[in-house]
Amino acid sequence: MGNSEHMSNMLTVREVARLLHVHPNTLRRWSNNGRIRAYRITPRGDRRFKREEIVRFLTELNGHGDDLQEVESRQWSR
């Protein structure tokens, strides 16, 4: 898998916070507490989240497996 393919599979704090309907600082706190896994990139330490990790988090939270595309389509159709 190329680097650009790998990065296209990653979401920013803002994108994930919007999908989960939480403040970006809440998402950062969850990441710090290990509730959701983030990957640090750049010397500044920006966080990125794997799509699969968001699906896992939602499955754990909701008790069922919503596909991330399904969640995203519901988000943008509002």
C-alpha atoms as a PDB file:
ATOM      1  CA  MET A   1       0.000   0.000   0.000  1.00  0.00           C
ATOM      2  CA  GLY A   2       1.440   3.349  -1.017  1.00  0.00           C
ATOM      3  CA  ASN A   3       1.779   6.251   1.382  1.00  0.00           C
ATOM      4  CA  SER A   4      -0.979   8.253  -0.351  1.00  0.00           C
ATOM      5  CA  GLU A   5      -3.326   5.245  -0.166  1.00  0.00           C
ATOM      6  CA  HIS A   6      -2.521   4.838   3.519  1.00  0.00           C
ATOM      7  CA  MET A   7      -3.174   8.509   4.270  1.00  0.00           C
ATOM      8  CA  SER A   8      -6.466   8.501   2.332  1.00  0.00           C
ATOM      9  CA  ASN A   9      -7.640   5.868   4.811  1.00  0.00           C
ATOM     10  CA  MET A  10      -6.995   8.296   7.673  1.00  0.00           C
ATOM     11  CA  LEU A  11      -9.343  10.948   9.047  1.00  0.00           C
ATOM     12  CA  THR A  12      -8.540  14.205  10.818  1.00  0.00           C
ATOM     13  CA  VAL A  13      -9.741  15.215  14.272  1.00  0.00           C
ATOM     14  CA  ARG A  14     -12.247  17.594  12.712  1.00  0.00           C
ATOM     15  CA  GLU A  15     -13.662  14.938  10.366  1.00  0.00           C
ATOM     16  CA  VAL A  16     -14.086  12.346  13.112  1.00  0.00           C
ATOM     17  CA  ALA A  17     -15.513  14.855  15.584  1.00  0.00           C
ATOM     18  CA  ARG A  18     -18.107  15.861  12.985  1.00  0.00           C
ATOM     19  CA  LEU A  19     -19.006  12.213  12.295  1.00  0.00           C
ATOM     20  CA  LEU A  20     -19.381  11.431  15.997  1.00  0.00           C
ATOM     21  CA  HIS A  21     -21.129  14.718  16.843  1.00  0.00           C
ATOM     22  CA  VAL A  22     -18.603  15.606  19.527  1.00  0.00           C
ATOM     23  CA  HIS A  23     -16.287  18.538  20.090  1.00  0.00           C
ATOM     24  CA  PRO A  24     -12.736  18.005  18.774  1.00  0.00           C
ATOM     25  CA  ASN A  25     -11.417  18.374  22.342  1.00  0.00           C
ATOM     26  CA  THR A  26     -13.660  15.487  23.444  1.00  0.00           C
ATOM     27  CA  LEU A  27     -12.155  13.330  20.711  1.00  0.00           C
ATOM     28  CA  ARG A  28      -8.649  14.346  21.783  1.00  0.00           C
ATOM     29  CA  ARG A  29      -9.477  13.435  25.391  1.00  0.00           C
ATOM     30  CA  TRP A  30     -10.826  10.026  24.297  1.00  0.00           C
ATOM     31  CA  SER A  31      -7.606   9.500  22.379  1.00  0.00           C
ATOM     32  CA  ASN A  32      -5.470  10.479  25.379  1.00  0.00           C
ATOM     33  CA  ASN A  33      -7.455   8.053  27.563  1.00  0.00           C
ATOM     34  CA  GLY A  34      -7.083   5.203  25.067  1.00  0.00           C
ATOM     35  CA  ARG A  35     -10.786   4.993  24.252  1.00  0.00           C
ATOM     36  CA  ILE A  36     -10.081   5.544  20.568  1.00  0.00           C
ATOM     37  CA  ARG A  37      -6.709   5.076  18.891  1.00  0.00           C
ATOM     38  CA  ALA A  38      -5.044   7.972  17.116  1.00  0.00           C
ATOM     39  CA  TYR A  39      -1.816   8.073  15.161  1.00  0.00           C
ATOM     40  CA  ARG A  40       0.487  11.061  15.550  1.00  0.00           C
ATOM     41  CA  ILE A  41       1.927  12.523  12.374  1.00  0.00           C
ATOM     42  CA  THR A  42       4.098  15.535  11.647  1.00  0.00           C
ATOM     43  CA  PRO A  43       6.547  17.053  14.104  1.00  0.00           C
ATOM     44  CA  ARG A  44       3.621  19.004  15.576  1.00  0.00           C
ATOM     45  CA  GLY A  45       1.912  15.753  16.569  1.00  0.00           C
ATOM     46  CA  ASP A  46      -1.301  16.088  14.546  1.00  0.00           C
ATOM     47  CA  ARG A  47      -3.665  13.172  15.103  1.00  0.00           C
ATOM     48  CA  ARG A  48      -5.122  10.936  12.436  1.00  0.00           C
ATOM     49  CA  PHE A  49      -7.640   8.157  12.890  1.00  0.00           C
ATOM     50  CA  LYS A  50      -7.996   5.017  10.797  1.00  0.00           C
ATOM     51  CA  ARG A  51     -11.436   4.484   9.312  1.00  0.00           C
ATOM     52  CA  GLU A  52     -11.415   0.935  10.690  1.00  0.00           C
ATOM     53  CA  GLU A  53     -10.798   2.298  14.184  1.00  0.00           C
ATOM     54  CA  ILE A  54     -13.830   4.574  13.921  1.00  0.00           C
ATOM     55  CA  VAL A  55     -15.968   1.612  12.810  1.00  0.00           C
ATOM     56  CA  ARG A  56     -14.655  -0.408  15.769  1.00  0.00           C
ATOM     57  CA  PHE A  57     -15.415   2.459  18.130  1.00  0.00           C
ATOM     58  CA  LEU A  58     -18.955   2.854  16.778  1.00  0.00           C
ATOM     59  CA  THR A  59     -19.559  -0.893  16.962  1.00  0.00           C
ATOM     60  CA  GLU A  60     -18.413  -0.941  20.576  1.00  0.00           C
ATOM     61  CA  LEU A  61     -20.455   2.143  21.409  1.00  0.00           C
ATOM     62  CA  ASN A  62     -23.671   1.131  19.642  1.00  0.00           C
ATOM     63  CA  GLY A  63     -23.461  -2.609  19.910  1.00  0.00           C
ATOM     64  CA  HIS A  64     -23.822  -3.021  16.127  1.00  0.00           C
ATOM     65  CA  GLY A  65     -21.606  -2.563  13.105  1.00  0.00           C
ATOM     66  CA  ASP A  66     -22.527   0.539  11.136  1.00  0.00           C
ATOM     67  CA  ASP A  67     -20.350   0.908   8.085  1.00  0.00           C
ATOM     68  CA  LEU A  68     -18.442   4.210   8.103  1.00  0.00           C
ATOM     69  CA  GLN A  69     -19.789   5.118   4.658  1.00  0.00           C
ATOM     70  CA  GLU A  70     -23.306   4.629   6.017  1.00  0.00           C
ATOM     71  CA  VAL A  71     -22.523   6.903   8.966  1.00  0.00           C
ATOM     72  CA  GLU A  72     -20.951   9.504   6.664  1.00  0.00           C
ATOM     73  CA  SER A  73     -23.934   9.456   4.294  1.00  0.00           C
ATOM     74  CA  ARG A  74     -26.337   9.999   7.209  1.00  0.00           C
ATOM     75  CA  GLN A  75     -24.138  12.846   8.458  1.00  0.00           C
ATOM     76  CA  TRP A  76     -24.082  14.696   5.157  1.00  0.00           C
ATOM     77  CA  SER A  77     -27.759  14.122   4.324  1.00  0.00           C
ATOM     78  CA  ARG A  78     -28.883  16.246   7.287  1.00  0.00           C
END
